[in-house]
């Protein structure tokens, strides 16, 4: 039997067990002060850490695994969101960031053409310059986290009183609802919930994650400070392309 060839089907990749929130992520999220420009009511490090977990399983720069469960991955097949492992680098090219296609890095920042000016303005404000005087961008781990936090703050400022009557999203606001308990309508989200809905986007079609808000709130319950107190955290994952389609 050992000499016979055997076909192996990999149905689902195992979820990696993580015991603690990455140190850099926790430090950045815990150090936010009320006068930082990133803080808002109900802000907490657990909120940021939960978003990072749901968005990327705490991954940023990455390298591809050569095999999964002993089965070699086909040469040239690039499925970073599933197979990547942290490389230990704090900064690398966009080609080596974990990506869903339009969004990049640990906080899955949407960096399509129409978003770049907005994202670059946030990185210029919160990330500063490198030793050569160049603007630090979201391919840098710390910058990616800070820009993700800035985007969330922007969404909180815009939507914390709800989405009703806001131009561009009024249709989705009034017709869409979560596909996870308690199955809230988008129009019922306020405060942090509305900010999270804005962070992921207001769509509810095939490529949207209608249960995103509840996923992040559930993930928050599995994190206590830097400790991950429930190993099922890694099974809570975002679907679709991620961050909001409107800048």
Protein backbone atom coordinates (compact mmCIF):
# COMPACT_ATOMS: atom_id res chain seq x y z
CA UNK A 1 0.00 0.00 0.00
CA UNK A 2 2.86 2.36 0.68
CA UNK A 3 3.96 2.15 -2.93
CA UNK A 4 0.52 2.96 -4.34
CA UNK A 5 -0.33 6.57 -5.20
CA UNK A 6 -3.11 8.02 -3.09
CA UNK A 7 -5.27 11.07 -3.80
CA UNK A 8 -5.67 13.39 -0.84
CA UNK A 9 -8.39 16.04 -0.67
CA UNK A 10 -7.82 18.92 1.74
CA UNK A 11 -11.33 19.99 2.66
CA UNK A 12 -10.47 22.71 5.16
CA UNK A 13 -7.27 24.14 6.53
CA UNK A 14 -6.80 23.87 10.28
CA UNK A 15 -7.21 27.04 12.30
CA UNK A 16 -3.95 28.07 13.92
CA UNK A 17 -4.06 28.32 17.69
CA UNK A 18 -2.96 31.73 18.98
CA UNK A 19 -2.55 32.36 22.70
CA UNK A 20 -1.86 36.08 22.82
CA UNK A 21 -2.50 39.22 20.79
CA UNK A 22 0.70 40.21 18.90
CA UNK A 23 2.76 42.48 21.15
CA UNK A 24 3.09 45.38 18.67
CA UNK A 25 -0.63 45.38 17.93
CA UNK A 26 -1.56 45.36 21.60
CA UNK A 27 0.94 48.12 22.45
CA UNK A 28 -0.32 50.44 19.70
CA UNK A 29 -3.98 49.90 20.54
CA UNK A 30 -3.40 50.22 24.31
CA UNK A 31 -1.33 53.41 24.05
CA UNK A 32 -4.06 55.51 22.44
CA UNK A 33 -4.82 58.64 24.47
CA UNK A 34 -8.02 60.68 24.47
CA UNK A 35 -6.23 63.58 22.72
CA UNK A 36 -4.61 61.42 20.02
CA UNK A 37 -7.21 62.05 17.32
CA UNK A 38 -7.88 58.30 17.17
CA UNK A 39 -9.83 57.89 20.39
CA UNK A 40 -13.63 57.91 20.51
CA UNK A 41 -16.32 56.99 23.01
CA UNK A 42 -16.39 53.23 23.73
CA UNK A 43 -12.91 52.84 22.21
CA UNK A 44 -10.95 49.89 23.62
CA UNK A 45 -7.81 47.94 22.67
CA UNK A 46 -9.97 44.80 22.52
CA UNK A 47 -12.03 46.42 19.76
CA UNK A 48 -8.96 47.06 17.58
CA UNK A 49 -7.48 43.65 18.36
CA UNK A 50 -10.77 41.93 17.50
CA UNK A 51 -10.91 43.73 14.13
CA UNK A 52 -7.35 42.62 13.34
CA UNK A 53 -8.21 39.05 14.24
CA UNK A 54 -11.37 38.94 12.13
CA UNK A 55 -9.72 40.75 9.20
CA UNK A 56 -6.41 38.87 8.96
CA UNK A 57 -5.94 36.50 11.92
CA UNK A 58 -3.33 39.01 13.12
CA UNK A 59 -1.19 38.62 9.97
CA UNK A 60 0.54 41.39 8.03
CA UNK A 61 3.78 40.70 6.14
CA UNK A 62 3.88 37.10 5.09
CA UNK A 63 5.56 34.30 3.23
CA UNK A 64 3.88 31.38 1.53
CA UNK A 65 3.80 27.92 3.06
CA UNK A 66 5.15 25.21 0.78
CA UNK A 67 2.63 22.63 1.91
CA UNK A 68 -0.58 22.26 3.86
CA UNK A 69 -1.08 19.11 5.90
CA UNK A 70 1.84 17.51 4.08
CA UNK A 71 0.26 18.14 0.68
CA UNK A 72 2.46 20.30 -1.55
CA UNK A 73 0.84 23.49 -2.80
CA UNK A 74 0.89 23.81 -6.56
CA UNK A 75 3.80 25.98 -7.76
CA UNK A 76 2.70 29.54 -8.48
CA UNK A 77 -0.56 29.22 -6.58
CA UNK A 78 -0.85 32.27 -4.36
CA UNK A 79 -3.59 32.14 -1.74
CA UNK A 80 -2.10 34.33 0.94
CA UNK A 81 -5.22 34.71 3.03
CA UNK A 82 -5.22 30.98 3.70
CA UNK A 83 -1.62 29.82 3.64
CA UNK A 84 0.58 32.74 4.64
CA UNK A 85 2.70 32.68 7.76
CA UNK A 86 4.21 35.76 9.45
CA UNK A 87 7.70 36.50 8.14
CA UNK A 88 8.83 38.54 11.14
CA UNK A 89 9.36 41.59 8.93
CA UNK A 90 7.76 44.85 10.01
CA UNK A 91 7.64 46.21 6.49
CA UNK A 92 7.70 44.68 3.04
CA UNK A 93 6.41 45.32 -0.48
CA UNK A 94 2.69 45.22 -1.19
CA UNK A 95 3.35 42.00 -3.14
CA UNK A 96 4.24 40.31 0.16
CA UNK A 97 1.38 41.61 2.28
CA UNK A 98 -1.60 39.50 3.18
CA UNK A 99 -4.35 40.64 0.83
CA UNK A 100 -7.94 39.94 -0.14
CA UNK A 101 -7.36 41.54 -3.54
CA UNK A 102 -8.25 45.14 -2.82
CA UNK A 103 -7.31 45.35 0.87
CA UNK A 104 -3.91 44.89 2.48
CA UNK A 105 -2.20 44.10 5.75
CA UNK A 106 -3.23 43.22 9.26
CA UNK A 107 -6.17 45.67 9.27
CA UNK A 108 -7.06 44.96 5.62
CA UNK A 109 -6.92 48.57 4.43
CA UNK A 110 -8.66 49.10 1.08
CA UNK A 111 -5.97 50.55 -1.21
CA UNK A 112 -7.70 50.63 -4.58
CA UNK A 113 -7.15 53.71 -6.73
CA UNK A 114 -10.13 55.67 -5.41
CA UNK A 115 -9.07 55.04 -1.81
CA UNK A 116 -5.36 55.78 -2.04
CA UNK A 117 -5.54 59.55 -1.53
CA UNK A 118 -7.69 59.11 1.59
CA UNK A 119 -5.49 56.35 3.00
CA UNK A 120 -2.28 58.25 2.20
CA UNK A 121 -3.61 61.34 3.97
CA UNK A 122 -4.18 59.23 7.10
CA UNK A 123 -0.74 57.62 6.94
CA UNK A 124 0.88 61.05 6.48
CA UNK A 125 -0.93 62.26 9.60
CA UNK A 126 -0.40 59.28 11.89
CA UNK A 127 2.65 57.39 10.58
CA UNK A 128 5.28 60.05 9.89
CA UNK A 129 8.41 59.53 7.79
CA UNK A 130 11.19 56.95 7.66
CA UNK A 131 14.92 57.58 8.19
CA UNK A 132 15.22 58.73 4.56
CA UNK A 133 12.43 61.27 4.86
CA UNK A 134 9.90 59.22 2.89
CA UNK A 135 6.29 58.90 4.01
CA UNK A 136 5.64 55.65 5.84
CA UNK A 137 2.81 53.75 4.12
CA UNK A 138 0.41 51.01 5.13
CA UNK A 139 2.84 48.29 4.04
CA UNK A 140 4.47 49.12 7.39
CA UNK A 141 2.91 47.06 10.22
CA UNK A 142 2.54 49.90 12.76
CA UNK A 143 1.22 52.27 10.11
CA UNK A 144 -1.33 49.74 8.91
CA UNK A 145 -2.69 49.42 12.45
CA UNK A 146 -2.83 53.20 12.98
CA UNK A 147 -4.52 53.83 9.64
CA UNK A 148 -7.05 51.11 10.41
CA UNK A 149 -7.77 52.86 13.69
CA UNK A 150 -8.06 56.21 11.90
CA UNK A 151 -10.51 54.75 9.40
CA UNK A 152 -12.59 53.34 12.26
CA UNK A 153 -12.55 56.75 13.97
CA UNK A 154 -13.68 58.38 10.72
CA UNK A 155 -16.55 55.89 10.45
CA UNK A 156 -17.50 56.52 14.08
CA UNK A 157 -17.60 60.28 13.53
CA UNK A 158 -19.77 59.86 10.45
CA UNK A 159 -22.14 57.10 11.50
CA UNK A 160 -22.30 56.92 15.31
CA UNK A 161 -25.84 58.32 15.29
CA UNK A 162 -26.92 55.83 12.64
CA UNK A 163 -26.91 55.65 8.86
CA UNK A 164 -30.42 56.96 8.13
CA UNK A 165 -30.52 59.85 5.69
CA UNK A 166 -26.81 59.72 4.81
CA UNK A 167 -26.20 60.24 1.11
CA UNK A 168 -24.85 57.27 -0.82
CA UNK A 169 -25.81 54.58 1.66
CA UNK A 170 -29.47 55.32 2.41
CA UNK A 171 -30.74 52.38 0.29
CA UNK A 172 -28.49 49.84 1.99
CA UNK A 173 -29.14 51.43 5.36
CA UNK A 174 -32.87 50.96 5.02
CA UNK A 175 -32.94 47.55 3.31
CA UNK A 176 -29.99 45.51 4.59
CA UNK A 177 -29.76 43.51 7.79
CA UNK A 178 -27.24 41.26 9.50
CA UNK A 179 -27.28 37.53 8.79
CA UNK A 180 -26.14 36.81 12.34
CA UNK A 181 -28.08 37.00 15.61
CA UNK A 182 -29.66 39.27 16.72
CA UNK A 183 -30.19 39.97 12.97
CA UNK A 184 -30.21 43.74 13.30
CA UNK A 185 -31.14 46.02 10.45
CA UNK A 186 -28.28 48.26 9.36
CA UNK A 187 -30.50 51.22 10.28
CA UNK A 188 -30.50 50.00 13.90
CA UNK A 189 -26.72 50.20 14.29
CA UNK A 190 -25.41 53.14 16.30
CA UNK A 191 -22.16 54.00 18.09
CA UNK A 192 -19.41 51.39 17.78
CA UNK A 193 -21.70 49.03 15.88
CA UNK A 194 -22.32 51.65 13.19
CA UNK A 195 -18.58 52.41 13.02
CA UNK A 196 -17.83 48.71 12.48
CA UNK A 197 -20.52 48.47 9.81
CA UNK A 198 -18.97 51.48 8.09
CA UNK A 199 -15.47 50.00 8.36
CA UNK A 200 -16.51 46.87 6.50
CA UNK A 201 -19.01 48.56 4.18
CA UNK A 202 -22.76 49.01 3.83
CA UNK A 203 -23.42 46.37 1.19
CA UNK A 204 -25.33 43.16 1.81
CA UNK A 205 -24.91 41.40 -1.54
CA UNK A 206 -22.93 38.29 -2.46
CA UNK A 207 -19.49 39.78 -1.78
CA UNK A 208 -20.49 41.56 1.43
CA UNK A 209 -20.17 40.33 5.01
CA UNK A 210 -23.56 41.14 6.47
CA UNK A 211 -22.58 39.63 9.83
CA UNK A 212 -19.32 41.56 10.19
CA UNK A 213 -20.42 43.66 13.17
CA UNK A 214 -21.47 40.62 15.18
CA UNK A 215 -18.25 38.78 14.26
CA UNK A 216 -16.11 41.56 15.70
CA UNK A 217 -18.27 41.89 18.82
CA UNK A 218 -18.06 38.11 19.34
CA UNK A 219 -14.29 38.21 18.84
CA UNK A 220 -13.99 40.92 21.51
CA UNK A 221 -15.47 38.51 24.05
CA UNK A 222 -12.62 36.08 23.40
CA UNK A 223 -9.85 38.60 24.19
CA UNK A 224 -8.89 39.84 27.65
CA UNK A 225 -6.10 42.39 27.48
CA UNK A 226 -3.26 40.71 25.61
CA UNK A 227 -4.57 37.23 26.42
CA UNK A 228 -6.75 35.23 24.05
CA UNK A 229 -9.08 33.40 26.42
CA UNK A 230 -10.95 31.35 23.83
CA UNK A 231 -9.10 29.41 21.12
CA UNK A 232 -12.14 29.56 18.83
CA UNK A 233 -11.23 33.20 18.10
CA UNK A 234 -9.35 32.07 14.98
CA UNK A 235 -12.50 30.58 13.50
CA UNK A 236 -14.23 33.99 13.36
CA UNK A 237 -13.27 35.29 9.93
CA UNK A 238 -14.43 38.02 7.61
CA UNK A 239 -15.95 37.20 4.22
CA UNK A 240 -15.79 39.19 1.01
CA UNK A 241 -13.47 42.02 0.06
CA UNK A 242 -13.54 43.86 3.34
CA UNK A 243 -13.23 47.54 4.02
CA UNK A 244 -15.89 49.98 2.97
CA UNK A 245 -16.21 50.85 -0.70
CA UNK A 246 -16.80 54.51 0.04
CA UNK A 247 -13.77 56.53 1.30
